[in-house]
mmCIF file of all heavy atoms, coordinates in Angstrom:
data_MODEL
# 
_entry.id   MODEL 
# 
loop_
_atom_site.group_PDB 
_atom_site.id 
_atom_site.type_symbol 
_atom_site.label_atom_id 
_atom_site.label_alt_id 
_atom_site.label_comp_id 
_atom_site.label_asym_id 
_atom_site.label_entity_id 
_atom_site.label_seq_id 
_atom_site.pdbx_PDB_ins_code 
_atom_site.Cartn_x 
_atom_site.Cartn_y 
_atom_site.Cartn_z 
_atom_site.occupancy 
_atom_site.B_iso_or_equiv 
_atom_site.pdbx_formal_charge 
_atom_site.auth_seq_id 
_atom_site.auth_comp_id 
_atom_site.auth_asym_id 
_atom_site.auth_atom_id 
_atom_site.pdbx_PDB_model_num 
ATOM 1   N N   . ILE A 1 1  ? 86.111  91.540 85.607  1.00 0.00 ? 1  ILE A N   1 
ATOM 2   C CA  . ILE A 1 1  ? 87.514  91.135 85.783  1.00 0.00 ? 1  ILE A CA  1 
ATOM 3   C C   . ILE A 1 1  ? 87.783  90.988 87.288  1.00 0.00 ? 1  ILE A C   1 
ATOM 4   O O   . ILE A 1 1  ? 87.828  91.997 88.004  1.00 0.00 ? 1  ILE A O   1 
ATOM 5   C CB  . ILE A 1 1  ? 88.492  92.195 85.209  1.00 0.00 ? 1  ILE A CB  1 
ATOM 6   C CG1 . ILE A 1 1  ? 88.214  92.470 83.733  1.00 0.00 ? 1  ILE A CG1 1 
ATOM 7   C CG2 . ILE A 1 1  ? 89.939  91.752 85.430  1.00 0.00 ? 1  ILE A CG2 1 
ATOM 8   C CD1 . ILE A 1 1  ? 88.642  91.394 82.782  1.00 0.00 ? 1  ILE A CD1 1 
ATOM 9   N N   . PRO A 1 2  ? 87.973  89.766 87.804  1.00 0.00 ? 2  PRO A N   1 
ATOM 10  C CA  . PRO A 1 2  ? 88.253  89.596 89.241  1.00 0.00 ? 2  PRO A CA  1 
ATOM 11  C C   . PRO A 1 2  ? 89.734  89.827 89.543  1.00 0.00 ? 2  PRO A C   1 
ATOM 12  O O   . PRO A 1 2  ? 90.429  88.951 90.065  1.00 0.00 ? 2  PRO A O   1 
ATOM 13  C CB  . PRO A 1 2  ? 87.840  88.143 89.494  1.00 0.00 ? 2  PRO A CB  1 
ATOM 14  C CG  . PRO A 1 2  ? 88.090  87.450 88.195  1.00 0.00 ? 2  PRO A CG  1 
ATOM 15  C CD  . PRO A 1 2  ? 87.858  88.473 87.107  1.00 0.00 ? 2  PRO A CD  1 
ATOM 16  N N   . TRP A 1 3  ? 90.219  91.026 89.230  1.00 0.00 ? 3  TRP A N   1 
ATOM 17  C CA  . TRP A 1 3  ? 91.662  91.294 89.283  1.00 0.00 ? 3  TRP A CA  1 
ATOM 18  C C   . TRP A 1 3  ? 92.237  91.192 90.696  1.00 0.00 ? 3  TRP A C   1 
ATOM 19  O O   . TRP A 1 3  ? 93.416  90.876 90.867  1.00 0.00 ? 3  TRP A O   1 
ATOM 20  C CB  . TRP A 1 3  ? 91.955  92.681 88.684  1.00 0.00 ? 3  TRP A CB  1 
ATOM 21  C CG  . TRP A 1 3  ? 91.369  93.818 89.453  1.00 0.00 ? 3  TRP A CG  1 
ATOM 22  C CD1 . TRP A 1 3  ? 90.121  94.362 89.289  1.00 0.00 ? 3  TRP A CD1 1 
ATOM 23  C CD2 . TRP A 1 3  ? 91.988  94.541 90.519  1.00 0.00 ? 3  TRP A CD2 1 
ATOM 24  N NE1 . TRP A 1 3  ? 89.923  95.377 90.187  1.00 0.00 ? 3  TRP A NE1 1 
ATOM 25  C CE2 . TRP A 1 3  ? 91.057  95.518 90.955  1.00 0.00 ? 3  TRP A CE2 1 
ATOM 26  C CE3 . TRP A 1 3  ? 93.235  94.473 91.146  1.00 0.00 ? 3  TRP A CE3 1 
ATOM 27  C CZ2 . TRP A 1 3  ? 91.324  96.401 91.982  1.00 0.00 ? 3  TRP A CZ2 1 
ATOM 28  C CZ3 . TRP A 1 3  ? 93.507  95.347 92.185  1.00 0.00 ? 3  TRP A CZ3 1 
ATOM 29  C CH2 . TRP A 1 3  ? 92.566  96.307 92.598  1.00 0.00 ? 3  TRP A CH2 1 
ATOM 30  N N   . ARG A 1 4  ? 91.427  91.453 91.713  1.00 0.00 ? 4  ARG A N   1 
ATOM 31  C CA  . ARG A 1 4  ? 91.951  91.379 93.082  1.00 0.00 ? 4  ARG A CA  1 
ATOM 32  C C   . ARG A 1 4  ? 92.381  89.960 93.437  1.00 0.00 ? 4  ARG A C   1 
ATOM 33  O O   . ARG A 1 4  ? 93.438  89.750 94.036  1.00 0.00 ? 4  ARG A O   1 
ATOM 34  C CB  . ARG A 1 4  ? 90.886  91.870 94.077  1.00 0.00 ? 4  ARG A CB  1 
ATOM 35  C CG  . ARG A 1 4  ? 90.677  93.365 94.081  1.00 0.00 ? 4  ARG A CG  1 
ATOM 36  C CD  . ARG A 1 4  ? 89.593  93.763 95.076  1.00 0.00 ? 4  ARG A CD  1 
ATOM 37  N NE  . ARG A 1 4  ? 89.409  95.203 95.086  1.00 0.00 ? 4  ARG A NE  1 
ATOM 38  C CZ  . ARG A 1 4  ? 88.681  95.866 94.177  1.00 0.00 ? 4  ARG A CZ  1 
ATOM 39  N NH1 . ARG A 1 4  ? 88.087  95.193 93.198  1.00 0.00 ? 4  ARG A NH1 1 
ATOM 40  N NH2 . ARG A 1 4  ? 88.571  97.179 94.232  1.00 0.00 ? 4  ARG A NH2 1 
ATOM 41  N N   . ALA A 1 5  ? 91.547  88.989 93.069  1.00 0.00 ? 5  ALA A N   1 
ATOM 42  C CA  . ALA A 1 5  ? 91.877  87.597 93.379  1.00 0.00 ? 5  ALA A CA  1 
ATOM 43  C C   . ALA A 1 5  ? 93.175  87.184 92.691  1.00 0.00 ? 5  ALA A C   1 
ATOM 44  O O   . ALA A 1 5  ? 94.036  86.527 93.295  1.00 0.00 ? 5  ALA A O   1 
ATOM 45  C CB  . ALA A 1 5  ? 90.731  86.682 92.949  1.00 0.00 ? 5  ALA A CB  1 
ATOM 46  N N   . ASP A 1 6  ? 93.332  87.582 91.438  1.00 0.00 ? 6  ASP A N   1 
ATOM 47  C CA  . ASP A 1 6  ? 94.523  87.170 90.689  1.00 0.00 ? 6  ASP A CA  1 
ATOM 48  C C   . ASP A 1 6  ? 95.769  87.899 91.176  1.00 0.00 ? 6  ASP A C   1 
ATOM 49  O O   . ASP A 1 6  ? 96.856  87.316 91.238  1.00 0.00 ? 6  ASP A O   1 
ATOM 50  C CB  . ASP A 1 6  ? 94.292  87.419 89.198  1.00 0.00 ? 6  ASP A CB  1 
ATOM 51  C CG  . ASP A 1 6  ? 93.176  86.549 88.673  1.00 0.00 ? 6  ASP A CG  1 
ATOM 52  O OD1 . ASP A 1 6  ? 93.454  85.396 88.314  1.00 0.00 ? 6  ASP A OD1 1 
ATOM 53  O OD2 . ASP A 1 6  ? 92.021  87.001 88.658  1.00 0.00 ? 6  ASP A OD2 1 
ATOM 54  N N   . THR A 1 7  ? 95.619  89.175 91.530  1.00 0.00 ? 7  THR A N   1 
ATOM 55  C CA  . THR A 1 7  ? 96.749  89.918 92.102  1.00 0.00 ? 7  THR A CA  1 
ATOM 56  C C   . THR A 1 7  ? 97.181  89.266 93.409  1.00 0.00 ? 7  THR A C   1 
ATOM 57  O O   . THR A 1 7  ? 98.376  89.105 93.685  1.00 0.00 ? 7  THR A O   1 
ATOM 58  C CB  . THR A 1 7  ? 96.359  91.391 92.346  1.00 0.00 ? 7  THR A CB  1 
ATOM 59  O OG1 . THR A 1 7  ? 95.834  91.950 91.142  1.00 0.00 ? 7  THR A OG1 1 
ATOM 60  C CG2 . THR A 1 7  ? 97.564  92.210 92.788  1.00 0.00 ? 7  THR A CG2 1 
ATOM 61  N N   . ALA A 1 8  ? 96.185  88.866 94.209  1.00 0.00 ? 8  ALA A N   1 
ATOM 62  C CA  . ALA A 1 8  ? 96.494  88.194 95.479  1.00 0.00 ? 8  ALA A CA  1 
ATOM 63  C C   . ALA A 1 8  ? 97.247  86.891 95.240  1.00 0.00 ? 8  ALA A C   1 
ATOM 64  O O   . ALA A 1 8  ? 98.185  86.556 95.976  1.00 0.00 ? 8  ALA A O   1 
ATOM 65  C CB  . ALA A 1 8  ? 95.196  87.923 96.242  1.00 0.00 ? 8  ALA A CB  1 
ATOM 66  N N   . GLU A 1 9  ? 96.850  86.148 94.198  1.00 0.00 ? 9  GLU A N   1 
ATOM 67  C CA  . GLU A 1 9  ? 97.529  84.883 93.895  1.00 0.00 ? 9  GLU A CA  1 
ATOM 68  C C   . GLU A 1 9  ? 99.000  85.124 93.542  1.00 0.00 ? 9  GLU A C   1 
ATOM 69  O O   . GLU A 1 9  ? 99.892  84.389 93.978  1.00 0.00 ? 9  GLU A O   1 
ATOM 70  C CB  . GLU A 1 9  ? 96.814  84.163 92.750  1.00 0.00 ? 9  GLU A CB  1 
ATOM 71  C CG  . GLU A 1 9  ? 97.325  82.763 92.520  1.00 0.00 ? 9  GLU A CG  1 
ATOM 72  C CD  . GLU A 1 9  ? 96.417  81.935 91.631  1.00 0.00 ? 9  GLU A CD  1 
ATOM 73  O OE1 . GLU A 1 9  ? 95.315  82.395 91.294  1.00 0.00 ? 9  GLU A OE1 1 
ATOM 74  O OE2 . GLU A 1 9  ? 96.830  80.820 91.272  1.00 0.00 ? 9  GLU A OE2 1 
ATOM 75  N N   . VAL A 1 10 ? 99.253  86.185 92.751  1.00 0.00 ? 10 VAL A N   1 
ATOM 76  C CA  . VAL A 1 10 ? 100.645 86.522 92.406  1.00 0.00 ? 10 VAL A CA  1 
ATOM 77  C C   . VAL A 1 10 ? 101.420 86.890 93.665  1.00 0.00 ? 10 VAL A C   1 
ATOM 78  O O   . VAL A 1 10 ? 102.549 86.420 93.887  1.00 0.00 ? 10 VAL A O   1 
ATOM 79  C CB  . VAL A 1 10 ? 100.699 87.689 91.394  1.00 0.00 ? 10 VAL A CB  1 
ATOM 80  C CG1 . VAL A 1 10 ? 102.142 88.080 91.114  1.00 0.00 ? 10 VAL A CG1 1 
ATOM 81  C CG2 . VAL A 1 10 ? 100.011 87.312 90.095  1.00 0.00 ? 10 VAL A CG2 1 
ATOM 82  N N   . LEU A 1 11 ? 100.828 87.727 94.525  1.00 0.00 ? 11 LEU A N   1 
ATOM 83  C CA  . LEU A 1 11 ? 101.510 88.168 95.750  1.00 0.00 ? 11 LEU A CA  1 
ATOM 84  C C   . LEU A 1 11 ? 101.824 86.983 96.666  1.00 0.00 ? 11 LEU A C   1 
ATOM 85  O O   . LEU A 1 11 ? 102.893 86.928 97.291  1.00 0.00 ? 11 LEU A O   1 
ATOM 86  C CB  . LEU A 1 11 ? 100.649 89.201 96.483  1.00 0.00 ? 11 LEU A CB  1 
ATOM 87  C CG  . LEU A 1 11 ? 100.509 90.563 95.778  1.00 0.00 ? 11 LEU A CG  1 
ATOM 88  C CD1 . LEU A 1 11 ? 99.456  91.416 96.462  1.00 0.00 ? 11 LEU A CD1 1 
ATOM 89  C CD2 . LEU A 1 11 ? 101.845 91.301 95.727  1.00 0.00 ? 11 LEU A CD2 1 
ATOM 90  N N   . LEU A 1 12 ? 100.907 86.030 96.744  1.00 0.00 ? 12 LEU A N   1 
ATOM 91  C CA  . LEU A 1 12 ? 101.157 84.828 97.544  1.00 0.00 ? 12 LEU A CA  1 
ATOM 92  C C   . LEU A 1 12 ? 102.363 84.068 97.013  1.00 0.00 ? 12 LEU A C   1 
ATOM 93  O O   . LEU A 1 12 ? 103.224 83.626 97.777  1.00 0.00 ? 12 LEU A O   1 
ATOM 94  C CB  . LEU A 1 12 ? 99.926  83.908 97.505  1.00 0.00 ? 12 LEU A CB  1 
ATOM 95  C CG  . LEU A 1 12 ? 98.836  84.149 98.538  1.00 0.00 ? 12 LEU A CG  1 
ATOM 96  C CD1 . LEU A 1 12 ? 97.647  83.238 98.270  1.00 0.00 ? 12 LEU A CD1 1 
ATOM 97  C CD2 . LEU A 1 12 ? 99.376  83.898 99.946  1.00 0.00 ? 12 LEU A CD2 1 
ATOM 98  N N   . ARG A 1 13 ? 102.410 83.933 95.674  1.00 0.00 ? 13 ARG A N   1 
ATOM 99  C CA  . ARG A 1 13 ? 103.535 83.221 95.052  1.00 0.00 ? 13 ARG A CA  1 
ATOM 100 C C   . ARG A 1 13 ? 104.854 83.978 95.261  1.00 0.00 ? 13 ARG A C   1 
ATOM 101 O O   . ARG A 1 13 ? 105.927 83.398 95.251  1.00 0.00 ? 13 ARG A O   1 
ATOM 102 C CB  . ARG A 1 13 ? 103.278 83.045 93.544  1.00 0.00 ? 13 ARG A CB  1 
ATOM 103 C CG  . ARG A 1 13 ? 102.107 82.142 93.198  1.00 0.00 ? 13 ARG A CG  1 
ATOM 104 C CD  . ARG A 1 13 ? 102.531 80.700 92.977  1.00 0.00 ? 13 ARG A CD  1 
ATOM 105 N NE  . ARG A 1 13 ? 103.386 80.580 91.803  1.00 0.00 ? 13 ARG A NE  1 
ATOM 106 C CZ  . ARG A 1 13 ? 102.947 80.430 90.554  1.00 0.00 ? 13 ARG A CZ  1 
ATOM 107 N NH1 . ARG A 1 13 ? 101.628 80.401 90.315  1.00 0.00 ? 13 ARG A NH1 1 
ATOM 108 N NH2 . ARG A 1 13 ? 103.787 80.305 89.546  1.00 0.00 ? 13 ARG A NH2 1 
ATOM 109 N N   . MET A 1 14 ? 104.757 85.297 95.450  1.00 0.00 ? 14 MET A N   1 
ATOM 110 C CA  . MET A 1 14 ? 105.958 86.117 95.670  1.00 0.00 ? 14 MET A CA  1 
ATOM 111 C C   . MET A 1 14 ? 106.327 86.198 97.147  1.00 0.00 ? 14 MET A C   1 
ATOM 112 O O   . MET A 1 14 ? 107.232 86.937 97.535  1.00 0.00 ? 14 MET A O   1 
ATOM 113 C CB  . MET A 1 14 ? 105.735 87.537 95.109  1.00 0.00 ? 14 MET A CB  1 
ATOM 114 C CG  . MET A 1 14 ? 105.552 87.577 93.604  1.00 0.00 ? 14 MET A CG  1 
ATOM 115 S SD  . MET A 1 14 ? 105.076 89.235 93.018  1.00 0.00 ? 14 MET A SD  1 
ATOM 116 C CE  . MET A 1 14 ? 106.655 89.883 92.481  1.00 0.00 ? 14 MET A CE  1 
ATOM 117 N N   . GLY A 1 15 ? 105.569 85.470 97.987  1.00 0.00 ? 15 GLY A N   1 
ATOM 118 C CA  . GLY A 1 15 ? 105.872 85.458 99.414  1.00 0.00 ? 15 GLY A CA  1 
ATOM 119 C C   . GLY A 1 15 ? 105.409 86.688 100.154 1.00 0.00 ? 15 GLY A C   1 
ATOM 120 O O   . GLY A 1 15 ? 106.016 87.104 101.149 1.00 0.00 ? 15 GLY A O   1 
ATOM 121 N N   . ARG A 1 16 ? 104.280 87.287 99.702  1.00 0.00 ? 16 ARG A N   1 
ATOM 122 C CA  . ARG A 1 16 ? 103.752 88.496 100.351 1.00 0.00 ? 16 ARG A CA  1 
ATOM 123 C C   . ARG A 1 16 ? 102.303 88.249 100.802 1.00 0.00 ? 16 ARG A C   1 
ATOM 124 O O   . ARG A 1 16 ? 101.352 88.793 100.237 1.00 0.00 ? 16 ARG A O   1 
ATOM 125 C CB  . ARG A 1 16 ? 103.835 89.684 99.381  1.00 0.00 ? 16 ARG A CB  1 
ATOM 126 C CG  . ARG A 1 16 ? 105.285 90.025 98.996  1.00 0.00 ? 16 ARG A CG  1 
ATOM 127 C CD  . ARG A 1 16 ? 105.337 90.952 97.794  1.00 0.00 ? 16 ARG A CD  1 
ATOM 128 N NE  . ARG A 1 16 ? 104.672 92.224 98.041  1.00 0.00 ? 16 ARG A NE  1 
ATOM 129 C CZ  . ARG A 1 16 ? 104.435 93.129 97.085  1.00 0.00 ? 16 ARG A CZ  1 
ATOM 130 N NH1 . ARG A 1 16 ? 104.844 92.893 95.828  1.00 0.00 ? 16 ARG A NH1 1 
ATOM 131 N NH2 . ARG A 1 16 ? 103.824 94.262 97.363  1.00 0.00 ? 16 ARG A NH2 1 
ATOM 132 N N   . PRO A 1 17 ? 102.104 87.396 101.814 1.00 0.00 ? 17 PRO A N   1 
ATOM 133 C CA  . PRO A 1 17 ? 100.745 87.014 102.217 1.00 0.00 ? 17 PRO A CA  1 
ATOM 134 C C   . PRO A 1 17 ? 99.921  88.162 102.803 1.00 0.00 ? 17 PRO A C   1 
ATOM 135 O O   . PRO A 1 17 ? 98.692  88.165 102.687 1.00 0.00 ? 17 PRO A O   1 
ATOM 136 C CB  . PRO A 1 17 ? 100.972 85.915 103.258 1.00 0.00 ? 17 PRO A CB  1 
ATOM 137 C CG  . PRO A 1 17 ? 102.353 86.151 103.777 1.00 0.00 ? 17 PRO A CG  1 
ATOM 138 C CD  . PRO A 1 17 ? 103.128 86.730 102.633 1.00 0.00 ? 17 PRO A CD  1 
ATOM 139 N N   . GLY A 1 18 ? 100.577 89.150 103.434 1.00 0.00 ? 18 GLY A N   1 
ATOM 140 C CA  . GLY A 1 18 ? 99.842  90.263 104.051 1.00 0.00 ? 18 GLY A CA  1 
ATOM 141 C C   . GLY A 1 18 ? 99.017  91.054 103.045 1.00 0.00 ? 18 GLY A C   1 
ATOM 142 O O   . GLY A 1 18 ? 97.781  91.143 103.167 1.00 0.00 ? 18 GLY A O   1 
ATOM 143 N N   . PRO A 1 19 ? 99.680  91.659 102.020 1.00 0.00 ? 19 PRO A N   1 
ATOM 144 C CA  . PRO A 1 19 ? 98.912  92.390 100.999 1.00 0.00 ? 19 PRO A CA  1 
ATOM 145 C C   . PRO A 1 19 ? 97.936  91.476 100.255 1.00 0.00 ? 19 PRO A C   1 
ATOM 146 O O   . PRO A 1 19 ? 96.851  91.922 99.862  1.00 0.00 ? 19 PRO A O   1 
ATOM 147 C CB  . PRO A 1 19 ? 99.988  92.914 100.044 1.00 0.00 ? 19 PRO A CB  1 
ATOM 148 C CG  . PRO A 1 19 ? 101.287 92.808 100.765 1.00 0.00 ? 19 PRO A CG  1 
ATOM 149 C CD  . PRO A 1 19 ? 101.129 91.754 101.804 1.00 0.00 ? 19 PRO A CD  1 
ATOM 150 N N   . ALA A 1 20 ? 98.304  90.201 100.088 1.00 0.00 ? 20 ALA A N   1 
ATOM 151 C CA  . ALA A 1 20 ? 97.414  89.262 99.395  1.00 0.00 ? 20 ALA A CA  1 
ATOM 152 C C   . ALA A 1 20 ? 96.124  89.089 100.185 1.00 0.00 ? 20 ALA A C   1 
ATOM 153 O O   . ALA A 1 20 ? 95.019  89.123 99.624  1.00 0.00 ? 20 ALA A O   1 
ATOM 154 C CB  . ALA A 1 20 ? 98.108  87.910 99.215  1.00 0.00 ? 20 ALA A CB  1 
ATOM 155 N N   . ARG A 1 21 ? 96.245  88.924 101.497 1.00 0.00 ? 21 ARG A N   1 
ATOM 156 C CA  . ARG A 1 21 ? 95.056  88.716 102.353 1.00 0.00 ? 21 ARG A CA  1 
ATOM 157 C C   . ARG A 1 21 ? 94.117  89.920 102.295 1.00 0.00 ? 21 ARG A C   1 
ATOM 158 O O   . ARG A 1 21 ? 92.884  89.780 102.254 1.00 0.00 ? 21 ARG A O   1 
ATOM 159 C CB  . ARG A 1 21 ? 95.521  88.448 103.790 1.00 0.00 ? 21 ARG A CB  1 
ATOM 160 C CG  . ARG A 1 21 ? 94.393  88.237 104.795 1.00 0.00 ? 21 ARG A CG  1 
ATOM 161 C CD  . ARG A 1 21 ? 93.527  87.032 104.424 1.00 0.00 ? 21 ARG A CD  1 
ATOM 162 N NE  . ARG A 1 21 ? 92.437  86.875 105.351 1.00 0.00 ? 21 ARG A NE  1 
ATOM 163 C CZ  . ARG A 1 21 ? 92.443  85.998 106.360 1.00 0.00 ? 21 ARG A CZ  1 
ATOM 164 N NH1 . ARG A 1 21 ? 93.494  85.203 106.557 1.00 0.00 ? 21 ARG A NH1 1 
ATOM 165 N NH2 . ARG A 1 21 ? 91.404  85.901 107.154 1.00 0.00 ? 21 ARG A NH2 1 
ATOM 166 N N   . LYS A 1 22 ? 94.693  91.112 102.250 1.00 0.00 ? 22 LYS A N   1 
ATOM 167 C CA  . LYS A 1 22 ? 93.876  92.335 102.177 1.00 0.00 ? 22 LYS A CA  1 
ATOM 168 C C   . LYS A 1 22 ? 93.031  92.350 100.893 1.00 0.00 ? 22 LYS A C   1 
ATOM 169 O O   . LYS A 1 22 ? 91.842  92.666 100.907 1.00 0.00 ? 22 LYS A O   1 
ATOM 170 C CB  . LYS A 1 22 ? 94.799  93.555 102.226 1.00 0.00 ? 22 LYS A CB  1 
ATOM 171 C CG  . LYS A 1 22 ? 94.049  94.873 102.282 1.00 0.00 ? 22 LYS A CG  1 
ATOM 172 C CD  . LYS A 1 22 ? 94.997  96.056 102.319 1.00 0.00 ? 22 LYS A CD  1 
ATOM 173 C CE  . LYS A 1 22 ? 94.167  97.338 102.268 1.00 0.00 ? 22 LYS A CE  1 
ATOM 174 N NZ  . LYS A 1 22 ? 94.817  98.434 101.632 1.00 0.00 ? 22 LYS A NZ  1 
ATOM 175 N N   . LEU A 1 23 ? 93.680  91.994 99.774  1.00 0.00 ? 23 LEU A N   1 
ATOM 176 C CA  . LEU A 1 23 ? 92.959  91.967 98.482  1.00 0.00 ? 23 LEU A CA  1 
ATOM 177 C C   . LEU A 1 23 ? 91.885  90.884 98.469  1.00 0.00 ? 23 LEU A C   1 
ATOM 178 O O   . LEU A 1 23 ? 90.801  91.079 97.915  1.00 0.00 ? 23 LEU A O   1 
ATOM 179 C CB  . LEU A 1 23 ? 93.952  91.728 97.341  1.00 0.00 ? 23 LEU A CB  1 
ATOM 180 C CG  . LEU A 1 23 ? 94.811  92.928 96.946  1.00 0.00 ? 23 LEU A CG  1 
ATOM 181 C CD1 . LEU A 1 23 ? 95.961  92.482 96.050  1.00 0.00 ? 23 LEU A CD1 1 
ATOM 182 C CD2 . LEU A 1 23 ? 93.967  93.982 96.232  1.00 0.00 ? 23 LEU A CD2 1 
ATOM 183 N N   . ILE A 1 24 ? 92.173  89.735 99.093  1.00 0.00 ? 24 ILE A N   1 
ATOM 184 C CA  . ILE A 1 24 ? 91.183  88.647 99.142  1.00 0.00 ? 24 ILE A CA  1 
ATOM 185 C C   . ILE A 1 24 ? 89.962  89.086 99.938  1.00 0.00 ? 24 ILE A C   1 
ATOM 186 O O   . ILE A 1 24 ? 88.815  88.852 99.523  1.00 0.00 ? 24 ILE A O   1 
ATOM 187 C CB  . ILE A 1 24 ? 91.813  87.374 99.757  1.00 0.00 ? 24 ILE A CB  1 
ATOM 188 C CG1 . ILE A 1 24 ? 92.919  86.832 98.850  1.00 0.00 ? 24 ILE A CG1 1 
ATOM 189 C CG2 . ILE A 1 24 ? 90.748  86.302 99.967  1.00 0.00 ? 24 ILE A CG2 1 
ATOM 190 C CD1 . ILE A 1 24 ? 93.860  85.863 99.530  1.00 0.00 ? 24 ILE A CD1 1 
ATOM 191 N N   . ASP A 1 25 ? 90.192  89.731 101.064 1.00 0.00 ? 25 ASP A N   1 
ATOM 192 C CA  . ASP A 1 25 ? 89.068  90.223 101.884 1.00 0.00 ? 25 ASP A CA  1 
ATOM 193 C C   . ASP A 1 25 ? 88.231  91.228 101.091 1.00 0.00 ? 25 ASP A C   1 
ATOM 194 O O   . ASP A 1 25 ? 86.989  91.211 101.146 1.00 0.00 ? 25 ASP A O   1 
ATOM 195 C CB  . ASP A 1 25 ? 89.587  90.875 103.171 1.00 0.00 ? 25 ASP A CB  1 
ATOM 196 C CG  . ASP A 1 25 ? 90.166  89.845 104.142 1.00 0.00 ? 25 ASP A CG  1 
ATOM 197 O OD1 . ASP A 1 25 ? 89.851  88.649 103.984 1.00 0.00 ? 25 ASP A OD1 1 
ATOM 198 O OD2 . ASP A 1 25 ? 90.940  90.236 105.042 1.00 0.00 ? 25 ASP A OD2 1 
ATOM 199 N N   . GLU A 1 26 ? 88.906  92.116 100.344 1.00 0.00 ? 26 GLU A N   1 
ATOM 200 C CA  . GLU A 1 26 ? 88.183  93.092 99.505  1.00 0.00 ? 26 GLU A CA  1 
ATOM 201 C C   . GLU A 1 26 ? 87.365  92.374 98.441  1.00 0.00 ? 26 GLU A C   1 
ATOM 202 O O   . GLU A 1 26 ? 86.215  92.739 98.169  1.00 0.00 ? 26 GLU A O   1 
ATOM 203 C CB  . GLU A 1 26 ? 89.178  94.046 98.828  1.00 0.00 ? 26 GLU A CB  1 
ATOM 204 C CG  . GLU A 1 26 ? 89.745  95.114 99.736  1.00 0.00 ? 26 GLU A CG  1 
ATOM 205 C CD  . GLU A 1 26 ? 90.773  95.988 99.008  1.00 0.00 ? 26 GLU A CD  1 
ATOM 206 O OE1 . GLU A 1 26 ? 90.792  95.975 97.764  1.00 0.00 ? 26 GLU A OE1 1 
ATOM 207 O OE2 . GLU A 1 26 ? 91.561  96.668 99.697  1.00 0.00 ? 26 GLU A OE2 1 
ATOM 208 N N   . GLN A 1 27 ? 87.960  91.330 97.828  1.00 0.00 ? 27 GLN A N   1 
ATOM 209 C CA  . GLN A 1 27 ? 87.260  90.604 96.767  1.00 0.00 ? 27 GLN A CA  1 
ATOM 210 C C   . GLN A 1 27 ? 86.015  89.918 97.324  1.00 0.00 ? 27 GLN A C   1 
ATOM 211 O O   . GLN A 1 27 ? 84.939  89.966 96.727  1.00 0.00 ? 27 GLN A O   1 
ATOM 212 C CB  . GLN A 1 27 ? 88.191  89.566 96.138  1.00 0.00 ? 27 GLN A CB  1 
ATOM 213 C CG  . GLN A 1 27 ? 87.623  88.892 94.892  1.00 0.00 ? 27 GLN A CG  1 
ATOM 214 C CD  . GLN A 1 27 ? 87.647  89.790 93.680  1.00 0.00 ? 27 GLN A CD  1 
ATOM 215 O OE1 . GLN A 1 27 ? 88.571  89.770 92.912  1.00 0.00 ? 27 GLN A OE1 1 
ATOM 216 N NE2 . GLN A 1 27 ? 86.605  90.586 93.509  1.00 0.00 ? 27 GLN A NE2 1 
ATOM 217 N N   . LEU A 1 28 ? 86.154  89.280 98.494  1.00 0.00 ? 28 LEU A N   1 
ATOM 218 C CA  . LEU A 1 28 ? 85.008  88.608 99.112  1.00 0.00 ? 28 LEU A CA  1 
ATOM 219 C C   . LEU A 1 28 ? 83.908  89.604 99.472  1.00 0.00 ? 28 LEU A C   1 
ATOM 220 O O   . LEU A 1 28 ? 82.722  89.313 99.310  1.00 0.00 ? 28 LEU A O   1 
ATOM 221 C CB  . LEU A 1 28 ? 85.465  87.853 100.361 1.00 0.00 ? 28 LEU A CB  1 
ATOM 222 C CG  . LEU A 1 28 ? 86.206  86.536 100.098 1.00 0.00 ? 28 LEU A CG  1 
ATOM 223 C CD1 . LEU A 1 28 ? 86.887  86.045 101.359 1.00 0.00 ? 28 LEU A CD1 1 
ATOM 224 C CD2 . LEU A 1 28 ? 85.246  85.483 99.556  1.00 0.00 ? 28 LEU A CD2 1 
ATOM 225 N N   . ALA A 1 29 ? 84.302  90.783 99.948  1.00 0.00 ? 29 ALA A N   1 
ATOM 226 C CA  . ALA A 1 29 ? 83.315  91.806 100.310 1.00 0.00 ? 29 ALA A CA  1 
ATOM 227 C C   . ALA A 1 29 ? 82.554  92.300 99.089  1.00 0.00 ? 29 ALA A C   1 
ATOM 228 O O   . ALA A 1 29 ? 81.386  92.683 99.185  1.00 0.00 ? 29 ALA A O   1 
ATOM 229 C CB  . ALA A 1 29 ? 84.013  92.978 101.004 1.00 0.00 ? 29 ALA A CB  1 
ATOM 230 N N   . ARG A 1 30 ? 83.210  92.267 97.941  1.00 0.00 ? 30 ARG A N   1 
ATOM 231 C CA  . ARG A 1 30 ? 82.597  92.805 96.719  1.00 0.00 ? 30 ARG A CA  1 
ATOM 232 C C   . ARG A 1 30 ? 81.734  91.790 95.980  1.00 0.00 ? 30 ARG A C   1 
ATOM 233 O O   . ARG A 1 30 ? 80.795  92.176 95.290  1.00 0.00 ? 30 ARG A O   1 
ATOM 234 C CB  . ARG A 1 30 ? 83.677  93.306 95.755  1.00 0.00 ? 30 ARG A CB  1 
ATOM 235 C CG  . ARG A 1 30 ? 84.227  94.661 96.135  1.00 0.00 ? 30 ARG A CG  1 
ATOM 236 C CD  . ARG A 1 30 ? 85.358  95.073 95.227  1.00 0.00 ? 30 ARG A CD  1 
ATOM 237 N NE  . ARG A 1 30 ? 85.706  96.466 95.449  1.00 0.00 ? 30 ARG A NE  1 
ATOM 238 C CZ  . ARG A 1 30 ? 85.166  97.494 94.801  1.00 0.00 ? 30 ARG A CZ  1 
ATOM 239 N NH1 . ARG A 1 30 ? 84.256  97.287 93.881  1.00 0.00 ? 30 ARG A NH1 1 
ATOM 240 N NH2 . ARG A 1 30 ? 85.533  98.718 95.071  1.00 0.00 ? 30 ARG A NH2 1 
# 
């Protein structure tokens, strides 16, 4: 389940790019 990527997508749509970027970096590292 790539939940980090999808959570980041929701956060981006909600106008929260900071927390979204953190999750994307974690997803890429994993």
